[in-house]
Amino acid sequence: MKREYNFSKLKELKNPYPGKKKAIGINLSPEVVDYFKGLAEETGVAYQKLIDLYLLDCAKKGKKLRMKWVA
């Protein structure tokens, strides 16, 4: 590896994915984060990407959350 690199001749490239993703803030349970981080270690895919892929799959399949509240 070189000690210094000359980047002066590089051309600027436009982002090929503008507007394809939307940054949001979300609060997740530690168990959820730990679960996806474990999957990330197994798969080599970033845990944020795994969460995005899972939610995208739910959205595409129109999955509905079924909850039963117990008093």
Protein backbone atom coordinates (compact mmCIF):
# COMPACT_ATOMS: atom_id res chain seq x y z
CA MET A 1 0.00 0.00 0.00
CA LYS A 2 1.29 3.44 -0.87
CA ARG A 3 1.94 6.05 1.80
CA GLU A 4 0.17 8.70 -0.25
CA TYR A 5 -2.35 8.60 -3.07
CA ASN A 6 -3.03 11.28 -5.68
CA PHE A 7 -6.76 11.79 -6.09
CA SER A 8 -6.50 15.03 -8.06
CA LYS A 9 -7.27 13.34 -11.41
CA LEU A 10 -10.37 11.51 -10.24
CA LYS A 11 -13.67 12.52 -11.78
CA GLU A 12 -16.67 13.20 -9.58
CA LEU A 13 -19.44 10.63 -9.98
CA LYS A 14 -23.07 11.29 -9.25
CA ASN A 15 -24.79 9.04 -6.75
CA PRO A 16 -26.61 6.40 -8.87
CA TYR A 17 -29.15 5.84 -6.09
CA PRO A 18 -30.49 9.28 -5.18
CA GLY A 19 -33.76 9.12 -3.34
CA LYS A 20 -33.87 5.33 -3.33
CA LYS A 21 -33.46 5.16 0.45
CA LYS A 22 -34.81 7.39 3.17
CA ALA A 23 -32.91 7.96 6.40
CA ILE A 24 -35.07 7.76 9.50
CA GLY A 25 -34.60 7.40 13.22
CA ILE A 26 -36.13 4.34 14.85
CA ASN A 27 -36.01 2.95 18.38
CA LEU A 28 -35.56 -0.82 18.51
CA SER A 29 -35.45 -3.20 21.45
CA PRO A 30 -31.97 -4.40 22.37
CA GLU A 31 -33.16 -7.95 21.68
CA VAL A 32 -34.08 -7.00 18.11
CA VAL A 33 -30.71 -5.34 17.50
CA ASP A 34 -28.83 -8.29 19.04
CA TYR A 35 -30.81 -10.75 16.92
CA PHE A 36 -30.02 -8.97 13.67
CA LYS A 37 -26.39 -8.40 14.68
CA GLY A 38 -26.11 -12.17 15.21
CA LEU A 39 -27.56 -12.77 11.75
CA ALA A 40 -25.13 -10.20 10.39
CA GLU A 41 -22.18 -12.14 11.77
CA GLU A 42 -23.51 -15.36 10.22
CA THR A 43 -24.25 -13.87 6.82
CA GLY A 44 -21.64 -11.12 6.47
CA VAL A 45 -24.40 -8.60 5.69
CA ALA A 46 -24.73 -5.44 7.79
CA TYR A 47 -27.46 -5.71 10.41
CA GLN A 48 -29.13 -2.49 9.24
CA LYS A 49 -29.38 -3.96 5.75
CA LEU A 50 -30.87 -7.18 7.14
CA ILE A 51 -33.52 -5.20 9.02
CA ASP A 52 -34.28 -3.26 5.82
CA LEU A 53 -34.52 -6.47 3.77
CA TYR A 54 -36.84 -8.09 6.31
CA LEU A 55 -39.15 -5.08 6.48
CA LEU A 56 -39.11 -4.76 2.68
CA ASP A 57 -40.16 -8.42 2.41
CA CYS A 58 -43.02 -7.79 4.86
CA ALA A 59 -44.13 -4.73 2.89
CA LYS A 60 -44.03 -6.53 -0.47
CA LYS A 61 -46.02 -9.48 0.88
CA GLY A 62 -48.50 -7.18 2.63
CA LYS A 63 -47.92 -8.89 5.97
CA LYS A 64 -50.06 -7.63 8.82
CA LEU A 65 -49.01 -7.70 12.44
CA ARG A 66 -51.34 -9.79 14.57
CA MET A 67 -51.33 -8.72 18.19
CA LYS A 68 -53.37 -9.99 21.07
CA TRP A 69 -53.37 -7.71 24.12
CA VAL A 70 -53.72 -9.47 27.44
CA ALA A 71 -55.06 -7.46 30.37
